């Protein structure tokens, strides 16, 4: 586990007084349930977030991820320093210009805390649709649906091979993506997300699913479909990044696309997938498409899956054990963030930030560059 150095709170930043009273009083204008935007890493969730927030009635937080820190709320009122720890986790409050000092010390559980802060953030803009986007919700769908029975979900899918290619390219500059096991988590986390998504649909939860390639090449059609799903009028500025607010998005070259003014499609680049990983992806893609009637996961027209053998029982068992081991490690890191003395965590992060390995700019701006 590696902790990065936090940025100090800006005392001059705009602040938001977030209280449960303000969130529940009549006329607050918020929808009763949040909107969650979910997709695997490197699947276009940041682009989708930026386009959605162009709409006058939508204001989502960017990878705030309070549900990931669920252990903070094992007790009904939550830990007294839950907001400080949350900000220490990934600078969510700083990035969204919310002052820790303005947040009540106790909250009536995770859903109440989320609505108080995410909802108030939306009210700054006067938007009734509140919520957040995060790829780290890929195995949180059922829990989020349980916490928020009136929640709506937008799920974005991308070809798993392209996801892993993008991860490996991002790893050259971003230390989080270079962490061991990220492509493995992505491949099998994608299937976990598919199973949970299907469960929500079966239960009648409001879920809208889109494809990454469609978002890139048919942006207007996709955004119109989303507006119909959300029952709001379509606004043409949702099809462009011009003037989009991207202030909450982490720095890093892997976000240069979403921080540009145009929606950029896939570039022709040299292959970066190792042969073994590429073959594994092809085996599982063939296996899953057989399971799902050739409808999932997304695959290029020239995938050639008909010539690929499927993974055997032993391979599938081993890969699932490895995936669960990685997720257990991730859960252990969350527990450390939630319950270790925060003074120790700050000292450890400061020491790691001074090491040569931790010296890149993105590590300084992204609190979880090597922890999640």
Protein backbone atom coordinates (compact mmCIF):
# COMPACT_ATOMS: atom_id res chain seq x y z
CA UNK A 1 0.00 0.00 0.00
CA UNK A 2 1.35 3.41 -0.94
CA UNK A 3 -0.11 6.67 0.25
CA UNK A 4 0.48 9.94 -1.58
CA UNK A 5 0.88 13.40 -0.15
CA UNK A 6 -2.35 15.36 0.30
CA UNK A 7 -2.89 18.91 -0.88
CA UNK A 8 -3.85 21.40 1.86
CA UNK A 9 -7.38 22.72 1.84
CA UNK A 10 -7.70 26.06 0.11
CA UNK A 11 -9.12 28.48 2.63
CA UNK A 12 -10.24 30.78 -0.17
CA UNK A 13 -12.26 28.19 -2.04
CA UNK A 14 -15.99 28.49 -2.44
CA UNK A 15 -17.71 26.55 0.31
CA UNK A 16 -21.02 24.82 0.60
CA UNK A 17 -22.91 24.52 3.85
CA UNK A 18 -24.39 21.04 3.69
CA UNK A 19 -27.00 20.15 6.25
CA UNK A 20 -29.70 17.51 6.22
CA UNK A 21 -32.29 20.20 6.89
CA UNK A 22 -31.41 22.04 3.70
CA UNK A 23 -31.54 18.79 1.76
CA UNK A 24 -34.97 17.67 2.91
CA UNK A 25 -36.92 20.90 3.23
CA UNK A 26 -39.81 21.39 0.78
CA UNK A 27 -38.89 22.99 -2.52
CA UNK A 28 -35.28 21.85 -2.53
CA UNK A 29 -35.93 20.67 -6.09
CA UNK A 30 -33.80 17.53 -5.92
CA UNK A 31 -34.93 14.25 -7.36
CA UNK A 32 -35.52 11.65 -4.64
CA UNK A 33 -32.84 9.29 -5.91
CA UNK A 34 -29.34 9.83 -7.31
CA UNK A 35 -27.96 9.13 -10.76
CA UNK A 36 -24.92 6.87 -10.86
CA UNK A 37 -22.68 6.67 -13.92
CA UNK A 38 -20.64 3.48 -13.92
CA UNK A 39 -18.21 1.79 -16.27
CA UNK A 40 -14.89 0.02 -16.04
CA UNK A 41 -11.72 2.13 -15.97
CA UNK A 42 -10.78 3.60 -19.34
CA UNK A 43 -14.30 3.12 -20.70
CA UNK A 44 -15.27 6.74 -21.29
CA UNK A 45 -16.88 7.49 -17.94
CA UNK A 46 -15.00 10.79 -17.63
CA UNK A 47 -16.13 11.88 -21.08
CA UNK A 48 -19.71 10.88 -20.28
CA UNK A 49 -19.53 12.77 -16.96
CA UNK A 50 -18.37 15.95 -18.70
CA UNK A 51 -21.10 15.74 -21.35
CA UNK A 52 -23.83 15.00 -18.80
CA UNK A 53 -22.83 17.95 -16.64
CA UNK A 54 -23.25 20.22 -19.66
CA UNK A 55 -27.01 19.81 -19.13
CA UNK A 56 -28.63 22.51 -17.02
CA UNK A 57 -30.53 19.93 -14.95
CA UNK A 58 -27.61 17.58 -14.16
CA UNK A 59 -24.78 18.11 -11.67
CA UNK A 60 -22.76 15.01 -10.84
CA UNK A 61 -19.70 14.74 -8.63
CA UNK A 62 -16.56 13.29 -10.16
CA UNK A 63 -15.20 10.14 -8.50
CA UNK A 64 -16.13 11.36 -5.05
CA UNK A 65 -16.66 7.69 -4.12
CA UNK A 66 -18.02 8.00 -0.60
CA UNK A 67 -19.74 4.58 -1.02
CA UNK A 68 -16.29 3.01 -1.41
CA UNK A 69 -15.61 4.12 2.18
CA UNK A 70 -18.66 2.30 3.48
CA UNK A 71 -16.80 1.07 6.63
CA UNK A 72 -16.81 4.68 7.89
CA UNK A 73 -20.55 4.21 8.48
CA UNK A 74 -20.60 0.84 10.23
CA UNK A 75 -21.94 2.77 13.20
CA UNK A 76 -25.23 4.53 12.46
CA UNK A 77 -23.86 8.06 12.77
CA UNK A 78 -20.53 7.28 11.13
CA UNK A 79 -17.08 8.07 12.45
CA UNK A 80 -16.79 11.60 13.77
CA UNK A 81 -14.00 12.38 11.27
CA UNK A 82 -15.63 10.68 8.28
CA UNK A 83 -15.52 13.84 6.13
CA UNK A 84 -11.83 14.43 6.87
CA UNK A 85 -10.97 10.84 6.02
CA UNK A 86 -13.06 10.98 2.87
CA UNK A 87 -11.17 14.05 1.69
CA UNK A 88 -7.87 12.42 2.64
CA UNK A 89 -8.86 9.37 0.56
CA UNK A 90 -9.08 11.14 -2.81
CA UNK A 91 -9.41 14.91 -2.24
CA UNK A 92 -13.07 14.72 -3.23
CA UNK A 93 -14.10 17.73 -1.17
CA UNK A 94 -11.18 19.84 -2.34
CA UNK A 95 -11.75 18.99 -5.98
CA UNK A 96 -15.40 19.99 -5.70
CA UNK A 97 -14.62 23.08 -3.58
CA UNK A 98 -16.50 21.91 -0.49
CA UNK A 99 -15.04 22.83 2.88
CA UNK A 100 -14.61 20.03 5.43
CA UNK A 101 -15.38 22.51 8.21
CA UNK A 102 -18.89 23.08 6.84
CA UNK A 103 -19.90 19.41 7.00
CA UNK A 104 -21.70 18.11 10.10
CA UNK A 105 -19.58 15.77 12.21
CA UNK A 106 -22.23 13.06 12.25
CA UNK A 107 -24.55 11.72 9.58
CA UNK A 108 -27.49 9.35 9.75
CA UNK A 109 -25.77 6.68 7.69
CA UNK A 110 -24.11 6.58 4.28
CA UNK A 111 -27.23 7.40 2.19
CA UNK A 112 -27.98 10.45 4.32
CA UNK A 113 -24.39 11.69 4.10
CA UNK A 114 -24.33 11.20 0.34
CA UNK A 115 -27.58 13.04 -0.27
CA UNK A 116 -26.51 15.87 2.01
CA UNK A 117 -23.28 16.52 0.11
CA UNK A 118 -23.91 15.28 -3.42
CA UNK A 119 -27.32 16.92 -3.38
CA UNK A 120 -26.06 20.22 -2.09
CA UNK A 121 -23.37 20.20 -4.77
CA UNK A 122 -26.12 19.89 -7.39
CA UNK A 123 -28.12 22.71 -5.80
CA UNK A 124 -25.23 25.10 -6.37
CA UNK A 125 -26.05 24.80 -10.05
CA UNK A 126 -29.78 24.63 -9.43
CA UNK A 127 -29.85 21.12 -10.91
CA UNK A 128 -32.40 18.56 -9.69
CA UNK A 129 -30.39 15.52 -10.86
CA UNK A 130 -27.62 14.70 -8.42
CA UNK A 131 -25.24 11.79 -8.01
CA UNK A 132 -21.81 10.81 -9.20
CA UNK A 133 -19.71 8.89 -11.63
CA UNK A 134 -16.98 6.43 -10.79
CA UNK A 135 -15.49 3.34 -12.40
CA UNK A 136 -14.82 2.07 -8.89
CA UNK A 137 -18.54 1.38 -8.51
CA UNK A 138 -18.21 -1.54 -10.93
CA UNK A 139 -18.94 -4.05 -8.17
CA UNK A 140 -21.10 -1.73 -6.06
CA UNK A 141 -24.22 -1.69 -8.24
CA UNK A 142 -26.40 -3.91 -6.05
CA UNK A 143 -25.30 -2.16 -2.85
CA UNK A 144 -25.96 1.26 -4.33
CA UNK A 145 -29.39 0.10 -5.46
CA UNK A 146 -30.11 -1.18 -1.96
CA UNK A 147 -28.97 2.09 -0.35
CA UNK A 148 -30.93 4.17 -2.87
CA UNK A 149 -34.07 2.33 -4.04
CA UNK A 150 -34.97 5.26 -6.31
CA UNK A 151 -31.53 5.49 -7.93
CA UNK A 152 -31.01 5.49 -11.69
CA UNK A 153 -27.95 4.03 -13.38
CA UNK A 154 -26.16 4.72 -16.63
CA UNK A 155 -23.72 1.93 -17.48
CA UNK A 156 -21.17 2.26 -20.26
CA UNK A 157 -19.53 -0.76 -21.91
CA UNK A 158 -16.31 -1.05 -23.89
CA UNK A 159 -14.41 -3.88 -25.54
CA UNK A 160 -12.27 -5.47 -22.76
CA UNK A 161 -9.21 -5.60 -25.03
CA UNK A 162 -9.43 -1.86 -25.66
CA UNK A 163 -9.91 -1.26 -21.93
CA UNK A 164 -6.72 -3.14 -21.12
CA UNK A 165 -4.80 -1.45 -23.93
CA UNK A 166 -5.82 1.94 -22.55
CA UNK A 167 -4.86 0.88 -19.03
CA UNK A 168 -1.39 -0.19 -20.12
CA UNK A 169 -0.84 3.05 -22.03
CA UNK A 170 -1.99 5.09 -19.02
CA UNK A 171 0.35 3.08 -16.78
CA UNK A 172 3.35 4.65 -18.50
CA UNK A 173 2.53 7.97 -16.83
CA UNK A 174 0.09 7.20 -14.01
CA UNK A 175 1.35 5.12 -11.10
CA UNK A 176 -2.12 3.87 -10.15
CA UNK A 177 -2.61 2.11 -13.47
CA UNK A 178 0.87 0.59 -13.19
CA UNK A 179 -0.15 -1.18 -9.99
CA UNK A 180 0.03 -4.95 -10.24
CA UNK A 181 -3.18 -6.67 -11.30
CA UNK A 182 -5.10 -3.72 -12.76
CA UNK A 183 -5.74 -5.42 -16.15
CA UNK A 184 -6.87 -8.57 -14.31
CA UNK A 185 -9.22 -6.55 -12.11
CA UNK A 186 -10.55 -4.80 -15.20
CA UNK A 187 -11.25 -7.97 -17.19
CA UNK A 188 -13.05 -9.84 -14.44
CA UNK A 189 -14.52 -6.74 -12.83
CA UNK A 190 -16.19 -6.06 -16.17
CA UNK A 191 -17.97 -9.41 -15.96
CA UNK A 192 -18.91 -8.75 -12.34
CA UNK A 193 -20.44 -5.46 -13.45
CA UNK A 194 -22.38 -7.24 -16.19
CA UNK A 195 -23.86 -9.76 -13.74
CA UNK A 196 -24.84 -7.05 -11.27
CA UNK A 197 -26.28 -4.90 -14.05
CA UNK A 198 -28.44 -7.80 -15.21
CA UNK A 199 -29.65 -8.31 -11.65
CA UNK A 200 -30.74 -4.68 -11.43
CA UNK A 201 -32.56 -4.87 -14.75
CA UNK A 202 -34.32 -8.05 -13.66
CA UNK A 203 -35.48 -6.30 -10.47
CA UNK A 204 -36.89 -3.40 -12.46
CA UNK A 205 -34.25 -0.87 -11.44
CA UNK A 206 -33.91 1.99 -13.92
CA UNK A 207 -30.74 1.21 -15.89
CA UNK A 208 -29.66 2.74 -19.20
CA UNK A 209 -26.79 1.02 -21.01
CA UNK A 210 -24.63 2.58 -23.71
CA UNK A 211 -21.58 1.61 -25.74
CA UNK A 212 -18.30 3.53 -25.70
CA UNK A 213 -17.95 3.50 -29.47
CA UNK A 214 -21.46 4.90 -29.85
CA UNK A 215 -20.66 7.69 -27.41
CA UNK A 216 -17.60 8.63 -29.45
CA UNK A 217 -19.06 8.36 -32.94
CA UNK A 218 -22.80 8.99 -32.36
CA UNK A 219 -22.71 11.39 -29.45
CA UNK A 220 -25.93 13.22 -30.24
CA UNK A 221 -27.95 10.03 -30.59
CA UNK A 222 -26.54 8.65 -27.33
CA UNK A 223 -27.15 11.84 -25.36
CA UNK A 224 -30.70 12.10 -26.71
CA UNK A 225 -31.32 8.56 -25.50
CA UNK A 226 -30.00 9.46 -22.07
CA UNK A 227 -32.28 12.49 -21.88
CA UNK A 228 -35.26 10.30 -22.73
CA UNK A 229 -34.20 7.88 -20.01
CA UNK A 230 -33.91 10.72 -17.47
CA UNK A 231 -37.13 12.36 -18.72
CA UNK A 232 -35.51 15.72 -19.37
CA UNK A 233 -35.32 17.81 -22.56
CA UNK A 234 -32.28 17.32 -24.75
CA UNK A 235 -29.77 20.19 -24.83
CA UNK A 236 -27.41 20.39 -27.79
CA UNK A 237 -24.41 21.42 -25.71
CA UNK A 238 -24.38 17.88 -24.30
CA UNK A 239 -22.72 16.80 -27.54
CA UNK A 240 -19.61 18.95 -27.14
CA UNK A 241 -16.84 19.48 -24.61
CA UNK A 242 -16.63 23.18 -25.36
CA UNK A 243 -17.09 25.09 -22.12
CA UNK A 244 -17.43 21.91 -20.03
CA UNK A 245 -16.46 22.12 -16.35
CA UNK A 246 -13.63 19.65 -15.79
CA UNK A 247 -12.18 21.24 -12.67
CA UNK A 248 -12.84 18.16 -10.51
CA UNK A 249 -11.07 15.76 -12.89
CA UNK A 250 -7.61 14.57 -11.90
CA UNK A 251 -4.57 15.79 -13.79
CA UNK A 252 -2.80 13.33 -16.06
CA UNK A 253 -2.06 12.63 -19.70
CA UNK A 254 -4.66 9.85 -19.75
CA UNK A 255 -7.30 12.59 -19.30
CA UNK A 256 -6.04 14.79 -22.13
CA UNK A 257 -8.95 13.65 -24.32
CA UNK A 258 -11.70 14.73 -21.93
CA UNK A 259 -9.85 17.97 -21.23
CA UNK A 260 -9.77 18.90 -24.90
CA UNK A 261 -12.53 20.76 -26.69
CA UNK A 262 -13.45 17.95 -29.09
CA UNK A 263 -14.58 14.36 -28.67
CA UNK A 264 -11.65 12.35 -29.96
CA UNK A 265 -11.97 8.83 -31.32
CA UNK A 266 -9.52 5.97 -31.03
CA UNK A 267 -6.12 6.62 -32.59
CA UNK A 268 -4.11 4.07 -34.52
CA UNK A 269 -1.33 2.96 -32.17
CA UNK A 270 1.12 0.07 -31.81
CA UNK A 271 -0.18 -2.96 -29.94
CA UNK A 272 0.65 -2.86 -26.22
CA UNK A 273 -1.14 -5.99 -25.00
CA UNK A 274 1.27 -8.79 -24.09
CA UNK A 275 0.52 -11.93 -26.10
CA UNK A 276 -0.59 -13.91 -23.04
CA UNK A 277 -3.02 -11.22 -21.87
CA UNK A 278 -4.38 -10.71 -25.38
CA UNK A 279 -5.04 -14.43 -25.75
CA UNK A 280 -6.72 -14.60 -22.34
CA UNK A 281 -9.00 -11.70 -23.22
CA UNK A 282 -9.92 -13.39 -26.50
CA UNK A 283 -10.69 -16.67 -24.73
CA UNK A 284 -12.95 -14.98 -22.18
CA UNK A 285 -14.60 -12.76 -24.77
CA UNK A 286 -15.49 -15.88 -26.76
CA UNK A 287 -16.73 -17.61 -23.60
CA UNK A 288 -18.88 -14.69 -22.44
CA UNK A 289 -20.33 -13.98 -25.87
CA UNK A 290 -21.39 -17.62 -26.00
CA UNK A 291 -23.03 -17.22 -22.59
CA UNK A 292 -24.83 -14.00 -23.55
CA UNK A 293 -26.05 -14.93 -27.01
CA UNK A 294 -23.27 -13.06 -28.82
CA UNK A 295 -24.44 -9.73 -27.35
CA UNK A 296 -21.79 -9.11 -24.65
CA UNK A 297 -19.06 -8.00 -24.20
CA UNK A 298 -18.60 -5.53 -27.04
CA UNK A 299 -16.22 -6.88 -29.65
CA UNK A 300 -14.67 -5.51 -32.83
CA UNK A 301 -16.09 -6.84 -36.08
CA UNK A 302 -12.79 -8.59 -36.82
CA UNK A 303 -12.33 -10.24 -33.42
CA UNK A 304 -12.16 -13.71 -34.96
CA UNK A 305 -13.61 -15.25 -31.79
CA UNK A 306 -14.89 -18.27 -33.72
CA UNK A 307 -11.28 -19.53 -33.96
CA UNK A 308 -10.48 -19.06 -30.27
CA UNK A 309 -10.77 -21.80 -27.68
CA UNK A 310 -12.68 -20.98 -24.50
CA UNK A 311 -11.04 -20.95 -21.05
CA UNK A 312 -11.16 -24.27 -19.26
CA UNK A 313 -12.62 -24.89 -15.82
CA UNK A 314 -9.25 -24.74 -14.06
CA UNK A 315 -8.32 -21.48 -15.75
CA UNK A 316 -11.64 -19.91 -14.80
CA UNK A 317 -11.32 -21.06 -11.18
CA UNK A 318 -7.76 -19.75 -10.90
CA UNK A 319 -8.62 -16.40 -12.47
CA UNK A 320 -11.59 -15.94 -10.13
CA UNK A 321 -9.43 -16.71 -7.10
CA UNK A 322 -6.85 -14.16 -8.22
CA UNK A 323 -9.57 -11.56 -8.81
CA UNK A 324 -11.05 -12.15 -5.37
CA UNK A 325 -7.60 -11.90 -3.80
CA UNK A 326 -7.02 -8.52 -5.45
CA UNK A 327 -10.42 -7.29 -4.30
CA UNK A 328 -9.70 -8.50 -0.75
CA UNK A 329 -6.49 -6.48 -0.84
CA UNK A 330 -8.43 -3.44 -2.06
CA UNK A 331 -10.92 -3.89 0.80
CA UNK A 332 -8.06 -4.07 3.30
CA UNK A 333 -6.71 -0.75 2.01
CA UNK A 334 -10.14 0.82 2.51
CA UNK A 335 -10.23 -0.42 6.10
CA UNK A 336 -6.82 1.13 6.74
CA UNK A 337 -8.04 4.47 5.41
CA UNK A 338 -11.17 4.26 7.52
CA UNK A 339 -9.73 3.17 10.86
CA UNK A 340 -5.96 3.68 11.12
CA UNK A 341 -4.98 6.81 13.08
CA UNK A 342 -5.14 9.55 10.50
CA UNK A 343 -1.99 11.15 11.87
CA UNK A 344 -0.07 7.97 11.05
CA UNK A 345 -1.57 7.91 7.57
CA UNK A 346 -0.52 11.50 6.94
CA UNK A 347 3.04 10.80 8.08
CA UNK A 348 3.26 7.66 5.94
CA UNK A 349 1.91 9.50 2.91
CA UNK A 350 4.37 12.35 3.40
CA UNK A 351 7.30 9.90 3.55
CA UNK A 352 6.15 8.07 0.42
CA UNK A 353 5.63 11.35 -1.43
CA UNK A 354 9.31 12.19 -0.90
CA UNK A 355 10.55 8.92 -2.38
CA UNK A 356 11.88 8.98 -5.98
CA UNK A 357 9.19 6.53 -7.05
CA UNK A 358 6.44 8.87 -5.87
CA UNK A 359 7.67 12.03 -7.49
CA UNK A 360 5.43 12.43 -10.52
CA UNK A 361 2.87 15.23 -10.71
CA UNK A 362 -0.12 12.99 -11.00
CA UNK A 363 0.73 11.24 -7.75
CA UNK A 364 0.71 14.59 -5.99
CA UNK A 365 -2.75 15.46 -7.28
CA UNK A 366 -4.34 12.04 -7.00
CA UNK A 367 -4.46 10.74 -3.47
CA UNK A 368 -5.11 7.17 -4.53
CA UNK A 369 -2.58 6.87 -7.35
CA UNK A 370 -1.28 3.63 -5.87
CA UNK A 371 -3.84 2.59 -3.30
CA UNK A 372 -7.05 1.51 -4.98
